[in-house]
Structure formats: C-alpha cells, structure tokens
Amino acid sequence: MTEQAFASVWGLSYSDFEFLNRFGAKSRVAIACQLLFFRQHARFPADRSDLDPDVIAYVADQIGATDDLSYSFSSDTARRQRAGILDFLGFRRASDRDRANLQAWMIEQLGGQDLTLADWIERGFDQARQLGVFIPSDKLMERLARAARRDFRDGFLMRVGALLHAETIEQLEWALSEPLADTGFQRLKDDVGAATLESVLLAARKVSFVDGLDLPMAVLDRVERGWIARLARQVEGETASEMRRHAPENS
C-alpha cells in the first residue's frame, strides 16, 4: 500500500475528530482505530492484535496521544463505545430480515464462483457495509456464508437432477448400488494405472458408460470450473453408500 493510500484509509477527518472529542483522551486512540477499522472492514477488531502497529502509531500521531495498552476491547465500556461508532457511521444492527437478505445476496452473487469460505465472509462484510448493517461477529457471518454455500450447492444439484432423463437416473443408481463393478461408482473413480491392454480396455468401457449417461453438461456453463473442481473433490472422498444418502428420497 502506498503512503497516500495508507493515509486515505487510516486518516481521520474533521468529523471524526469531533466524534472522538466525546471520549476521554486516554481511550481516543483505541476508539479511533476501531472507527477506522470498521469503516474499512464493516466489522470491529477483536483485540489489539488485529491492528497493525504502524496503524496504531499513525492514528496516535494524528490525535497527539499515546495508545493506552490497558484498554480492553472486550469490556462493557468498549461495547458502548462501539455502539457510538455505529451510530456515528449510520449503521444499525442487522435484523433477522437483514441477515436473510444478506444470505440470499451471497447465494445469488457468489454462488458457483471459485471462492474460499474466507472470500465469502469478506465479501459478505463488504455487502453489509454497503447496506449499512452491522453483523456483530465473524462467527455469525461465517454461519451465514456456510449456509449460503450449502444452499447454492443443494439448489444447483437439484437443478441438475431435474434435467436427468429416467434412463440416466437408473444407470447412476446402478453405479452406486454396484460400486465395485467395472463401471460402478468406486471403479469410475480409480486411477487408470499402468498402460496395459486390460487397463486401456477398462478405461474405454468407463468412458463409454459416462458418455452414454447423456448428462446435461450445459448446466456447467453457469458455474466456474474451480467450483466444480471443489465439488468433485468432495465426491472423490465419499463412498457409494455416502453418496446414496444424498438422494432426495433419503434426505
């Protein structure tokens, strides 16, 4: 980050100074750091370790004070101060409806992208900032992100299932019920191994079986390759009996 960019993120405005003057001089550095951190991340730092020492020093220099190392980020006083920050920035605590809307936004905007859980959480906080709502903990945002990821995956698989022909479903069910057959579920996942005549013929039978399933490949155009790869890795780690539990009649 350039010096100019750093200053634009961690610089205090005139209105910020007016707000900070409501509090005692001893706690102003910690409050200012929380204010600026929230403005950038839409969440508060859990403790001092979330703040770069250079940030603390820069903020303290602007205020003309030293950081009070005895300041407790988890105290009742700190919680009241954070409530004041939210009010100053025009944020409100997210309601059940806000959380539901945020989860729906994640499904719609992030579903199918090659993103980690941490990416979902970060983008969830960014959207919460744009909406002017406060999600009070990383754990809560994580739960929303996990639920949204799960709902998108389940919805995607339901759409795929709805596109399968009856013959395809029958063949897939057979592959799961006879996992050790040449074209059973377990054997389909096996590595080809050394290039012998037998292994080549077996691989050809597997390819022929998969080609004959007439799978709705066009549905993959709606999701990123990396997301499909994540789903494939999950399937690779499951047995046929575990896969059968995903069937609608067993869920």
Protein backbone atom coordinates (compact mmCIF):
# COMPACT_ATOMS: atom_id res chain seq x y z
CA MET A 1 0.00 0.00 0.00
CA THR A 2 1.38 3.40 -0.97
CA GLU A 3 1.80 6.14 1.60
CA GLN A 4 -1.05 8.07 0.02
CA ALA A 5 -3.36 5.04 0.05
CA PHE A 6 -2.43 4.30 3.66
CA ALA A 7 -3.29 7.86 4.66
CA SER A 8 -6.61 7.73 2.82
CA VAL A 9 -7.63 4.61 4.76
CA TRP A 10 -6.25 5.47 8.18
CA GLY A 11 -6.54 9.25 8.12
CA LEU A 12 -9.04 10.93 10.46
CA SER A 13 -11.47 13.51 9.12
CA TYR A 14 -12.64 16.67 10.86
CA SER A 15 -15.95 14.99 11.75
CA ASP A 16 -14.01 12.01 13.12
CA PHE A 17 -12.14 14.33 15.49
CA GLU A 18 -15.43 15.89 16.59
CA PHE A 19 -16.75 12.42 17.39
CA LEU A 20 -13.60 11.40 19.27
CA ASN A 21 -13.76 14.50 21.44
CA ARG A 22 -16.79 12.98 23.15
CA PHE A 23 -14.49 10.48 24.84
CA GLY A 24 -11.71 10.71 27.36
CA ALA A 25 -8.25 11.39 25.97
CA LYS A 26 -6.88 8.10 27.30
CA SER A 27 -9.17 5.93 25.14
CA ARG A 28 -9.25 8.02 21.96
CA VAL A 29 -6.52 6.15 20.10
CA ALA A 30 -8.23 2.78 20.60
CA ILE A 31 -11.63 4.20 19.68
CA ALA A 32 -10.22 5.91 16.58
CA CYS A 33 -8.56 2.68 15.46
CA GLN A 34 -11.83 0.81 15.86
CA LEU A 35 -13.69 3.52 13.96
CA LEU A 36 -11.30 3.42 11.01
CA PHE A 37 -11.07 -0.39 11.05
CA PHE A 38 -14.85 -0.66 10.94
CA ARG A 39 -15.10 1.88 8.14
CA GLN A 40 -12.79 -0.30 6.08
CA HIS A 41 -13.95 -3.82 7.03
CA ALA A 42 -17.54 -3.40 8.33
CA ARG A 43 -16.53 -5.22 11.50
CA PHE A 44 -14.62 -4.36 14.62
CA PRO A 45 -11.18 -5.68 15.55
CA ALA A 46 -11.43 -8.48 18.10
CA ASP A 47 -8.47 -7.06 20.00
CA ARG A 48 -5.29 -5.05 19.52
CA SER A 49 -3.62 -7.90 17.60
CA ASP A 50 -5.97 -7.25 14.66
CA LEU A 51 -4.40 -3.80 14.26
CA ASP A 52 -1.05 -3.26 12.60
CA PRO A 53 1.36 -1.44 14.94
CA ASP A 54 2.03 1.09 12.16
CA VAL A 55 -1.69 1.85 12.04
CA ILE A 56 -1.87 2.43 15.78
CA ALA A 57 1.20 4.66 15.66
CA TYR A 58 -0.19 6.66 12.71
CA VAL A 59 -3.57 7.17 14.39
CA ALA A 60 -1.93 8.10 17.69
CA ASP A 61 0.25 10.66 15.92
CA GLN A 62 -2.81 12.31 14.35
CA ILE A 63 -4.52 12.56 17.73
CA GLY A 64 -1.37 13.62 19.53
CA ALA A 65 -1.71 10.93 22.17
CA THR A 66 -0.26 7.54 23.07
CA ASP A 67 -2.04 4.21 22.86
CA ASP A 68 -3.42 3.04 26.20
CA LEU A 69 -2.24 -0.57 26.42
CA SER A 70 -4.64 -1.21 29.31
CA TYR A 71 -7.65 -0.56 27.06
CA SER A 72 -9.86 -3.67 26.93
CA PHE A 73 -11.60 -4.33 23.62
CA SER A 74 -13.99 -6.75 25.34
CA SER A 75 -15.14 -4.52 28.20
CA ASP A 76 -18.65 -3.14 28.61
CA THR A 77 -17.21 0.33 28.11
CA ALA A 78 -15.70 -0.70 24.78
CA ARG A 79 -19.03 -2.18 23.69
CA ARG A 80 -20.78 1.10 24.47
CA GLN A 81 -18.11 2.97 22.55
CA ARG A 82 -18.58 0.69 19.54
CA ALA A 83 -22.32 1.34 19.69
CA GLY A 84 -21.45 5.03 19.47
CA ILE A 85 -19.26 4.35 16.44
CA LEU A 86 -22.11 2.52 14.71
CA ASP A 87 -24.45 5.42 15.37
CA PHE A 88 -21.86 7.92 14.13
CA LEU A 89 -21.32 5.97 10.90
CA GLY A 90 -25.04 5.45 10.32
CA PHE A 91 -25.06 1.69 10.81
CA ARG A 92 -27.71 -0.38 12.55
CA ARG A 93 -27.54 -3.88 13.94
CA ALA A 94 -28.69 -6.38 11.32
CA SER A 95 -32.19 -7.75 11.87
CA ASP A 96 -33.27 -11.31 11.04
CA ARG A 97 -34.57 -9.99 7.72
CA ASP A 98 -31.26 -8.23 7.02
CA ARG A 99 -29.37 -11.47 7.65
CA ALA A 100 -31.77 -13.42 5.42
CA ASN A 101 -31.35 -10.83 2.67
CA LEU A 102 -27.58 -10.95 3.02
CA GLN A 103 -27.60 -14.74 2.77
CA ALA A 104 -29.82 -14.54 -0.33
CA TRP A 105 -27.40 -12.00 -1.84
CA MET A 106 -24.49 -14.38 -1.25
CA ILE A 107 -26.33 -17.21 -2.98
CA GLU A 108 -27.21 -15.03 -5.96
CA GLN A 109 -23.92 -13.16 -6.35
CA LEU A 110 -21.26 -15.55 -5.05
CA GLY A 111 -22.71 -19.00 -5.69
CA GLY A 112 -20.80 -21.03 -8.27
CA GLN A 113 -17.66 -18.88 -8.09
CA ASP A 114 -14.29 -20.39 -7.23
CA LEU A 115 -14.12 -18.72 -3.82
CA THR A 116 -12.95 -19.91 -0.42
CA LEU A 117 -15.06 -19.60 2.71
CA ALA A 118 -12.84 -16.68 3.76
CA ASP A 119 -13.68 -14.96 0.45
CA TRP A 120 -17.39 -15.37 1.12
CA ILE A 121 -17.02 -13.92 4.62
CA GLU A 122 -15.01 -10.93 3.38
CA ARG A 123 -17.49 -10.18 0.59
CA GLY A 124 -20.36 -10.67 3.00
CA PHE A 125 -18.96 -7.97 5.27
CA ASP A 126 -18.41 -5.72 2.25
CA GLN A 127 -22.05 -6.11 1.25
CA ALA A 128 -23.16 -5.48 4.85
CA ARG A 129 -21.18 -2.23 4.75
CA GLN A 130 -22.95 -1.17 1.56
CA LEU A 131 -26.30 -1.95 3.18
CA GLY A 132 -25.36 -0.07 6.35
CA VAL A 133 -25.99 -3.05 8.62
CA PHE A 134 -23.77 -4.48 11.34
CA ILE A 135 -23.12 -8.21 11.68
CA PRO A 136 -21.87 -8.43 15.28
CA SER A 137 -19.35 -11.25 14.93
CA ASP A 138 -17.16 -13.09 12.46
CA LYS A 139 -18.77 -16.35 13.64
CA LEU A 140 -22.22 -15.11 12.66
CA MET A 141 -21.01 -14.05 9.22
CA GLU A 142 -19.30 -17.42 8.86
CA ARG A 143 -22.58 -19.21 9.63
CA LEU A 144 -24.37 -17.09 7.03
CA ALA A 145 -21.67 -17.83 4.47
CA ARG A 146 -21.67 -21.57 5.18
CA ALA A 147 -25.46 -21.70 4.92
CA ALA A 148 -25.41 -19.75 1.64
CA ARG A 149 -22.72 -22.01 0.17
CA ARG A 150 -24.69 -25.09 1.18
CA ASP A 151 -27.97 -23.70 -0.17
CA PHE A 152 -26.38 -22.81 -3.51
CA ARG A 153 -24.80 -26.26 -3.84
CA ASP A 154 -28.05 -28.04 -2.95
CA GLY A 155 -30.03 -25.84 -5.34
CA PHE A 156 -27.53 -26.47 -8.13
CA LEU A 157 -27.67 -30.23 -7.63
CA MET A 158 -31.46 -30.15 -7.58
CA ARG A 159 -31.44 -28.32 -10.92
CA VAL A 160 -29.07 -30.92 -12.34
CA GLY A 161 -31.26 -33.73 -11.01
CA ALA A 162 -34.34 -32.22 -12.61
CA LEU A 163 -32.59 -32.33 -16.01
CA LEU A 164 -31.64 -36.01 -15.84
CA HIS A 165 -33.51 -38.50 -18.00
CA ALA A 166 -35.10 -41.50 -16.30
CA GLU A 167 -32.61 -43.83 -18.02
CA THR A 168 -29.70 -41.75 -16.75
CA ILE A 169 -31.01 -41.85 -13.18
CA GLU A 170 -31.37 -45.63 -13.44
CA GLN A 171 -27.78 -46.01 -14.65
CA LEU A 172 -26.43 -43.74 -11.91
CA GLU A 173 -28.35 -45.64 -9.25
CA TRP A 174 -26.93 -48.88 -10.61
CA ALA A 175 -23.37 -47.47 -10.44
CA LEU A 176 -23.94 -46.63 -6.77
CA SER A 177 -25.54 -49.97 -5.93
CA GLU A 178 -22.72 -51.91 -7.65
CA PRO A 179 -19.71 -49.73 -6.79
CA LEU A 180 -17.08 -52.41 -7.50
CA ALA A 181 -18.37 -53.36 -10.95
CA ASP A 182 -16.22 -52.27 -13.89
CA THR A 183 -18.36 -49.16 -14.37
CA GLY A 184 -19.51 -48.92 -10.75
CA PHE A 185 -19.04 -45.76 -8.71
CA GLN A 186 -15.82 -46.82 -6.99
CA ARG A 187 -14.20 -48.15 -10.17
CA LEU A 188 -15.10 -44.98 -12.09
CA LYS A 189 -13.02 -43.02 -9.57
CA ASP A 190 -9.99 -45.33 -9.78
CA ASP A 191 -6.79 -44.20 -11.48
CA VAL A 192 -6.16 -45.78 -14.88
CA GLY A 193 -2.85 -47.20 -13.70
CA ALA A 194 -0.17 -48.62 -15.96
CA ALA A 195 -0.97 -48.61 -19.68
CA THR A 196 -1.74 -52.29 -20.30
CA LEU A 197 -4.22 -53.69 -22.79
CA GLU A 198 -6.57 -54.61 -19.96
CA SER A 199 -6.41 -51.15 -18.34
CA VAL A 200 -6.94 -49.40 -21.68
CA LEU A 201 -9.99 -51.54 -22.47
CA LEU A 202 -11.39 -50.93 -18.99
CA ALA A 203 -10.84 -47.18 -19.35
CA ALA A 204 -12.62 -47.29 -22.71
CA ARG A 205 -15.62 -49.03 -21.10
CA LYS A 206 -15.72 -46.35 -18.41
CA VAL A 207 -15.64 -43.56 -20.98
CA SER A 208 -18.37 -45.26 -22.99
CA PHE A 209 -20.51 -45.64 -19.87
CA VAL A 210 -20.13 -41.96 -18.91
CA ASP A 211 -20.76 -40.78 -22.48
CA GLY A 212 -23.91 -42.87 -22.56
CA LEU A 213 -25.33 -41.13 -19.50
CA ASP A 214 -26.33 -38.12 -21.61
CA LEU A 215 -25.56 -35.73 -18.76
CA PRO A 216 -26.80 -32.10 -19.00
CA MET A 217 -23.34 -30.60 -19.44
CA ALA A 218 -24.72 -27.18 -20.41
CA VAL A 219 -25.59 -26.56 -16.76
CA LEU A 220 -21.85 -26.24 -16.05
CA ASP A 221 -21.76 -23.02 -18.06
CA ARG A 222 -23.38 -21.27 -15.08
CA VAL A 223 -20.59 -22.08 -12.61
CA GLU A 224 -16.83 -21.65 -12.58
CA ARG A 225 -14.51 -24.56 -13.25
CA GLY A 226 -12.84 -24.17 -9.86
CA TRP A 227 -16.18 -24.51 -8.06
CA ILE A 228 -16.91 -27.75 -9.92
CA ALA A 229 -13.42 -28.99 -9.02
CA ARG A 230 -14.20 -28.39 -5.33
CA LEU A 231 -17.42 -30.37 -5.66
CA ALA A 232 -15.58 -33.15 -7.49
CA ARG A 233 -13.01 -33.41 -4.70
CA GLN A 234 -15.84 -33.84 -2.20
CA VAL A 235 -17.28 -36.67 -4.31
CA GLU A 236 -13.85 -38.30 -4.62
CA GLY A 237 -13.70 -38.59 -0.85
CA GLU A 238 -17.09 -40.27 -0.42
CA THR A 239 -18.08 -43.92 -0.69
CA ALA A 240 -21.05 -45.15 -2.70
CA SER A 241 -23.14 -45.57 0.46
CA GLU A 242 -22.36 -41.99 1.49
CA MET A 243 -23.32 -40.76 -1.96
CA ARG A 244 -26.63 -42.61 -1.80
CA ARG A 245 -27.55 -40.62 1.30
CA HIS A 246 -27.69 -37.51 -0.89
CA ALA A 247 -30.57 -38.94 -2.90
CA PRO A 248 -33.77 -36.83 -2.44
CA GLU A 249 -35.76 -39.73 -1.04
CA ASN A 250 -33.13 -40.22 1.71
CA SER A 251 -32.63 -36.54 2.65
